[in-house]
Structures are given as structure tokens and as C-alpha cells.
């Protein structure tokens, strides 16, 4: 009898573990890109794209070298990082300077085009974290890096610098 109870108990634990693993919002597909310093500030980090079960993407930014209470704007730009005046494809959640972190659920671009994990990883794009939303700090890129196809292309061409963003 103890043996039967033990087998049932092990079976319940196995099922419970499998169910908890399946309740995750994520598929397990993810890719991480480096973010390099973009100015005289010593700020760098990573951006991680994680595929959600519904096909959307969670974008996680983790920076080192930030401090204070500022909210640092994060832009997804079309094109590679050295392109000046690159269009903003999406405004992501700002980085909390105190923690260096930002998390965004990305389902649509600024032009309302639906975007999935598969399409974002194939997009020619880059991420730039700015010092401020307005004023002179708007043109200061604290950190940035190519993602998707721009990253793949940069592996062969090398980094040429960080282009200044469009001011509107």
C-alpha cells in the first residue's frame, strides 16, 4: 500500500511541475544583444528579446553605470546604429536610472504595425537609450546597439559609430 501511495505522490509532483512549467508566458526563445557606451558617459548593458506564447515580445533592458531618479528614454530605431536621423519604430518603457532596468511588452510599432518576436528578430533595427526626452540631453545617446538584421550585418562590417537621432 505504501508503494502505491509513493508512486501516486511522485506522479502528482511530476504533473504539478509540468503544469507550472507550461503556465509560463514565455516560449523559451530569447536573444540578447550588447549595448555599448554611446557618449562620454560610462553606460553599457544588454537588451534581451523574449518570445511570449502569444507571439509578442518582452524587451528587457539592463544597464550598468546609471544612477539617480531619472527615467531614461529608450527608442527602437529602424536601421543600424550609425545611421543619423533614423526613424523611431517604437518608444519603449524608459530605463529607471536607479535600477538600470526597463521592461516593455512590444506588440505594435509606432505606425501601428503588429510586430511579433519572429519579425522583430528579423528587423533591421537598433536600440538607443537617451539621456533625456527633451532639450540638449535628447541628442545624447547613453548606450545603444544593433539588433536583428542590423546586428547580423554589423558582424561583417564592424561598428562605425552611433548616429544622432531625429529631433522633432
C-alpha atoms as a PDB file:
ATOM      1  CA  UNK A   1       0.000   0.000   0.000  1.00  0.00           C
ATOM      2  CA  UNK A   2       2.834   2.416   0.856  1.00  0.00           C
ATOM      3  CA  UNK A   3       4.359   1.665  -2.515  1.00  0.00           C
ATOM      4  CA  UNK A   4       1.158   2.646  -4.360  1.00  0.00           C
ATOM      5  CA  UNK A   5       0.855   5.881  -2.366  1.00  0.00           C
ATOM      6  CA  UNK A   6       4.518   6.676  -3.107  1.00  0.00           C
ATOM      7  CA  UNK A   7       4.014   6.125  -6.867  1.00  0.00           C
ATOM      8  CA  UNK A   8       0.859   8.278  -6.869  1.00  0.00           C
ATOM      9  CA  UNK A   9       2.678  11.003  -4.893  1.00  0.00           C
ATOM     10  CA  UNK A  10       5.597  11.029  -7.368  1.00  0.00           C
ATOM     11  CA  UNK A  11       3.114  11.150 -10.244  1.00  0.00           C
ATOM     12  CA  UNK A  12       1.314  14.144  -8.723  1.00  0.00           C
ATOM     13  CA  UNK A  13       4.580  16.001  -8.177  1.00  0.00           C
ATOM     14  CA  UNK A  14       5.625  15.334 -11.780  1.00  0.00           C
ATOM     15  CA  UNK A  15       2.275  16.572 -13.132  1.00  0.00           C
ATOM     16  CA  UNK A  16       2.360  19.648 -10.886  1.00  0.00           C
ATOM     17  CA  UNK A  17       5.863  20.529 -12.076  1.00  0.00           C
ATOM     18  CA  UNK A  18       4.906  20.062 -15.713  1.00  0.00           C
ATOM     19  CA  UNK A  19       1.796  22.212 -15.291  1.00  0.00           C
ATOM     20  CA  UNK A  20       3.747  25.027 -13.623  1.00  0.00           C
ATOM     21  CA  UNK A  21       6.297  24.979 -16.446  1.00  0.00           C
ATOM     22  CA  UNK A  22       3.519  25.229 -19.034  1.00  0.00           C
ATOM     23  CA  UNK A  23       1.915  28.242 -17.363  1.00  0.00           C
ATOM     24  CA  UNK A  24       4.890  30.468 -18.231  1.00  0.00           C
ATOM     25  CA  UNK A  25       4.128  33.384 -20.518  1.00  0.00           C
ATOM     26  CA  UNK A  26       7.310  32.644 -22.479  1.00  0.00           C
ATOM     27  CA  UNK A  27       8.270  30.033 -25.067  1.00  0.00           C
ATOM     28  CA  UNK A  28      11.924  29.876 -24.052  1.00  0.00           C
ATOM     29  CA  UNK A  29      13.096  31.590 -27.258  1.00  0.00           C
ATOM     30  CA  UNK A  30      15.168  34.667 -26.492  1.00  0.00           C
ATOM     31  CA  UNK A  31      18.131  36.601 -27.800  1.00  0.00           C
ATOM     32  CA  UNK A  32      20.418  39.057 -26.016  1.00  0.00           C
ATOM     33  CA  UNK A  33      22.372  41.880 -27.661  1.00  0.00           C
ATOM     34  CA  UNK A  34      25.125  44.029 -26.155  1.00  0.00           C
ATOM     35  CA  UNK A  35      24.567  47.764 -25.670  1.00  0.00           C
ATOM     36  CA  UNK A  36      27.781  49.783 -25.995  1.00  0.00           C
ATOM     37  CA  UNK A  37      28.518  53.215 -24.488  1.00  0.00           C
ATOM     38  CA  UNK A  38      27.339  55.951 -26.844  1.00  0.00           C
ATOM     39  CA  UNK A  39      28.868  59.056 -25.290  1.00  0.00           C
ATOM     40  CA  UNK A  40      31.269  60.226 -22.611  1.00  0.00           C
ATOM     41  CA  UNK A  41      29.045  58.536 -20.007  1.00  0.00           C
ATOM     42  CA  UNK A  42      30.239  55.080 -18.974  1.00  0.00           C
ATOM     43  CA  UNK A  43      26.905  53.326 -19.572  1.00  0.00           C
ATOM     44  CA  UNK A  44      26.593  49.899 -21.179  1.00  0.00           C
ATOM     45  CA  UNK A  45      24.446  46.817 -20.846  1.00  0.00           C
ATOM     46  CA  UNK A  46      22.209  44.400 -22.700  1.00  0.00           C
ATOM     47  CA  UNK A  47      18.826  44.224 -24.359  1.00  0.00           C
ATOM     48  CA  UNK A  48      17.045  40.872 -24.304  1.00  0.00           C
ATOM     49  CA  UNK A  49      14.126  39.971 -26.559  1.00  0.00           C
ATOM     50  CA  UNK A  50      11.959  37.185 -25.130  1.00  0.00           C
ATOM     51  CA  UNK A  51       9.239  35.451 -27.139  1.00  0.00           C
ATOM     52  CA  UNK A  52       5.861  35.223 -25.445  1.00  0.00           C
ATOM     53  CA  UNK A  53       3.457  32.358 -26.085  1.00  0.00           C
ATOM     54  CA  UNK A  54       1.114  34.744 -27.933  1.00  0.00           C
ATOM     55  CA  UNK A  55       3.953  35.705 -30.337  1.00  0.00           C
ATOM     56  CA  UNK A  56       4.566  39.132 -28.784  1.00  0.00           C
ATOM     57  CA  UNK A  57       7.956  40.192 -27.440  1.00  0.00           C
ATOM     58  CA  UNK A  58       9.059  41.286 -23.996  1.00  0.00           C
ATOM     59  CA  UNK A  59      12.003  43.668 -24.301  1.00  0.00           C
ATOM     60  CA  UNK A  60      14.277  43.797 -21.245  1.00  0.00           C
ATOM     61  CA  UNK A  61      16.971  46.460 -20.962  1.00  0.00           C
ATOM     62  CA  UNK A  62      19.626  46.112 -18.258  1.00  0.00           C
ATOM     63  CA  UNK A  63      22.232  48.872 -17.947  1.00  0.00           C
ATOM     64  CA  UNK A  64      25.227  49.459 -15.736  1.00  0.00           C
ATOM     65  CA  UNK A  65      26.567  52.924 -14.968  1.00  0.00           C
ATOM     66  CA  UNK A  66      23.243  54.673 -14.345  1.00  0.00           C
ATOM     67  CA  UNK A  67      22.172  56.333 -11.108  1.00  0.00           C
ATOM     68  CA  UNK A  68      19.686  58.829  -9.744  1.00  0.00           C
ATOM     69  CA  UNK A  69      15.948  59.122 -10.180  1.00  0.00           C
ATOM     70  CA  UNK A  70      15.786  59.914 -13.900  1.00  0.00           C
ATOM     71  CA  UNK A  71      13.735  57.964 -16.417  1.00  0.00           C
ATOM     72  CA  UNK A  72      15.958  57.398 -19.454  1.00  0.00           C
ATOM     73  CA  UNK A  73      14.101  57.197 -22.798  1.00  0.00           C
ATOM     74  CA  UNK A  74      14.531  54.010 -24.832  1.00  0.00           C
ATOM     75  CA  UNK A  75      13.894  54.004 -28.583  1.00  0.00           C
ATOM     76  CA  UNK A  76      13.729  51.207 -31.105  1.00  0.00           C
ATOM     77  CA  UNK A  77      15.046  52.797 -34.326  1.00  0.00           C
ATOM     78  CA  UNK A  78      14.829  51.462 -37.874  1.00  0.00           C
ATOM     79  CA  UNK A  79      18.201  50.918 -39.486  1.00  0.00           C
ATOM     80  CA  UNK A  80      21.586  50.329 -37.993  1.00  0.00           C
ATOM     81  CA  UNK A  81      23.039  52.291 -35.102  1.00  0.00           C
ATOM     82  CA  UNK A  82      25.371  54.537 -37.088  1.00  0.00           C
ATOM     83  CA  UNK A  83      22.539  55.892 -39.263  1.00  0.00           C
ATOM     84  CA  UNK A  84      21.847  59.542 -38.450  1.00  0.00           C
ATOM     85  CA  UNK A  85      18.213  60.637 -38.153  1.00  0.00           C
ATOM     86  CA  UNK A  86      16.907  57.058 -38.110  1.00  0.00           C
ATOM     87  CA  UNK A  87      13.141  56.818 -37.721  1.00  0.00           C
ATOM     88  CA  UNK A  88      11.776  55.753 -34.344  1.00  0.00           C
ATOM     89  CA  UNK A  89       9.987  52.438 -34.800  1.00  0.00           C
ATOM     90  CA  UNK A  90       8.746  52.260 -31.197  1.00  0.00           C
ATOM     91  CA  UNK A  91       9.071  54.060 -27.882  1.00  0.00           C
ATOM     92  CA  UNK A  92       9.926  51.514 -25.220  1.00  0.00           C
ATOM     93  CA  UNK A  93       9.489  51.850 -21.467  1.00  0.00           C
ATOM     94  CA  UNK A  94      12.119  54.194 -20.019  1.00  0.00           C
ATOM     95  CA  UNK A  95      15.023  52.827 -18.010  1.00  0.00           C
ATOM     96  CA  UNK A  96      14.824  53.570 -14.297  1.00  0.00           C
ATOM     97  CA  UNK A  97      18.261  55.150 -13.726  1.00  0.00           C
ATOM     98  CA  UNK A  98      18.367  53.868 -10.141  1.00  0.00           C
ATOM     99  CA  UNK A  99      17.990  50.197 -11.162  1.00  0.00           C
ATOM    100  CA  UNK A 100      19.233  50.402 -14.755  1.00  0.00           C
ATOM    101  CA  UNK A 101      16.247  48.324 -15.870  1.00  0.00           C
ATOM    102  CA  UNK A 102      13.339  48.617 -18.269  1.00  0.00           C
ATOM    103  CA  UNK A 103      10.683  46.133 -19.397  1.00  0.00           C
ATOM    104  CA  UNK A 104       8.329  46.594 -22.348  1.00  0.00           C
ATOM    105  CA  UNK A 105       5.663  44.358 -23.851  1.00  0.00           C
ATOM    106  CA  UNK A 106       6.064  45.066 -27.569  1.00  0.00           C
ATOM    107  CA  UNK A 107       3.117  44.159 -29.806  1.00  0.00           C
ATOM    108  CA  UNK A 108       2.973  47.121 -32.235  1.00  0.00           C
ATOM    109  CA  UNK A 109       5.348  49.604 -33.786  1.00  0.00           C
ATOM    110  CA  UNK A 110       4.719  53.370 -33.708  1.00  0.00           C
ATOM    111  CA  UNK A 111       2.936  53.164 -37.082  1.00  0.00           C
ATOM    112  CA  UNK A 112       0.517  50.573 -35.584  1.00  0.00           C
ATOM    113  CA  UNK A 113       2.076  47.672 -37.494  1.00  0.00           C
ATOM    114  CA  UNK A 114       1.783  44.474 -35.482  1.00  0.00           C
ATOM    115  CA  UNK A 115       5.157  43.055 -34.542  1.00  0.00           C
ATOM    116  CA  UNK A 116       5.968  39.558 -33.330  1.00  0.00           C
ATOM    117  CA  UNK A 117       9.110  38.060 -31.857  1.00  0.00           C
ATOM    118  CA  UNK A 118       9.877  36.459 -35.221  1.00  0.00           C
ATOM    119  CA  UNK A 119       9.520  39.747 -37.097  1.00  0.00           C
ATOM    120  CA  UNK A 120      11.471  41.836 -34.570  1.00  0.00           C
ATOM    121  CA  UNK A 121      14.432  39.454 -34.685  1.00  0.00           C
ATOM    122  CA  UNK A 122      14.493  39.879 -38.489  1.00  0.00           C
ATOM    123  CA  UNK A 123      14.041  43.674 -38.447  1.00  0.00           C
ATOM    124  CA  UNK A 124      16.933  45.960 -39.400  1.00  0.00           C
ATOM    125  CA  UNK A 125      16.914  47.990 -36.204  1.00  0.00           C
ATOM    126  CA  UNK A 126      18.819  49.291 -33.209  1.00  0.00           C
ATOM    127  CA  UNK A 127      18.131  50.286 -29.615  1.00  0.00           C
ATOM    128  CA  UNK A 128      19.249  53.652 -28.243  1.00  0.00           C
ATOM    129  CA  UNK A 129      18.963  54.854 -24.649  1.00  0.00           C
ATOM    130  CA  UNK A 130      18.960  58.637 -24.390  1.00  0.00           C
ATOM    131  CA  UNK A 131      19.906  60.971 -21.554  1.00  0.00           C
ATOM    132  CA  UNK A 132      16.594  62.893 -21.797  1.00  0.00           C
ATOM    133  CA  UNK A 133      13.339  63.227 -23.764  1.00  0.00           C
ATOM    134  CA  UNK A 134      13.835  66.925 -24.475  1.00  0.00           C
ATOM    135  CA  UNK A 135      16.499  69.620 -24.544  1.00  0.00           C
ATOM    136  CA  UNK A 136      20.196  69.021 -25.196  1.00  0.00           C
ATOM    137  CA  UNK A 137      20.039  65.619 -23.440  1.00  0.00           C
ATOM    138  CA  UNK A 138      17.745  64.358 -26.192  1.00  0.00           C
ATOM    139  CA  UNK A 139      20.706  64.066 -28.582  1.00  0.00           C
ATOM    140  CA  UNK A 140      22.935  62.274 -26.054  1.00  0.00           C
ATOM    141  CA  UNK A 141      22.885  58.519 -26.567  1.00  0.00           C
ATOM    142  CA  UNK A 142      23.982  56.859 -23.333  1.00  0.00           C
ATOM    143  CA  UNK A 143      24.122  53.362 -24.818  1.00  0.00           C
ATOM    144  CA  UNK A 144      22.991  51.574 -27.921  1.00  0.00           C
ATOM    145  CA  UNK A 145      23.352  48.567 -30.120  1.00  0.00           C
ATOM    146  CA  UNK A 146      22.146  46.884 -33.271  1.00  0.00           C
ATOM    147  CA  UNK A 147      19.501  44.169 -33.110  1.00  0.00           C
ATOM    148  CA  UNK A 148      18.015  41.763 -35.622  1.00  0.00           C
ATOM    149  CA  UNK A 149      19.364  42.026 -39.169  1.00  0.00           C
ATOM    150  CA  UNK A 150      21.338  45.171 -38.308  1.00  0.00           C
ATOM    151  CA  UNK A 151      23.281  43.127 -35.766  1.00  0.00           C
ATOM    152  CA  UNK A 152      23.919  40.360 -38.291  1.00  0.00           C
ATOM    153  CA  UNK A 153      25.150  42.866 -40.896  1.00  0.00           C
ATOM    154  CA  UNK A 154      27.364  44.645 -38.348  1.00  0.00           C
ATOM    155  CA  UNK A 155      29.236  41.407 -37.653  1.00  0.00           C
ATOM    156  CA  UNK A 156      30.822  41.659 -41.087  1.00  0.00           C
ATOM    157  CA  UNK A 157      31.022  45.437 -41.456  1.00  0.00           C
ATOM    158  CA  UNK A 158      32.048  46.371 -37.906  1.00  0.00           C
ATOM    159  CA  UNK A 159      30.747  49.233 -35.784  1.00  0.00           C
ATOM    160  CA  UNK A 160      31.058  52.675 -37.349  1.00  0.00           C
ATOM    161  CA  UNK A 161      29.715  54.828 -34.526  1.00  0.00           C
ATOM    162  CA  UNK A 162      26.351  55.943 -33.202  1.00  0.00           C
ATOM    163  CA  UNK A 163      24.243  58.298 -35.282  1.00  0.00           C
ATOM    164  CA  UNK A 164      22.358  61.220 -33.763  1.00  0.00           C
ATOM    165  CA  UNK A 165      18.588  60.708 -33.588  1.00  0.00           C
ATOM    166  CA  UNK A 166      15.934  62.721 -35.370  1.00  0.00           C
ATOM    167  CA  UNK A 167      14.850  65.747 -33.356  1.00  0.00           C
ATOM    168  CA  UNK A 168      11.231  66.660 -33.827  1.00  0.00           C
END
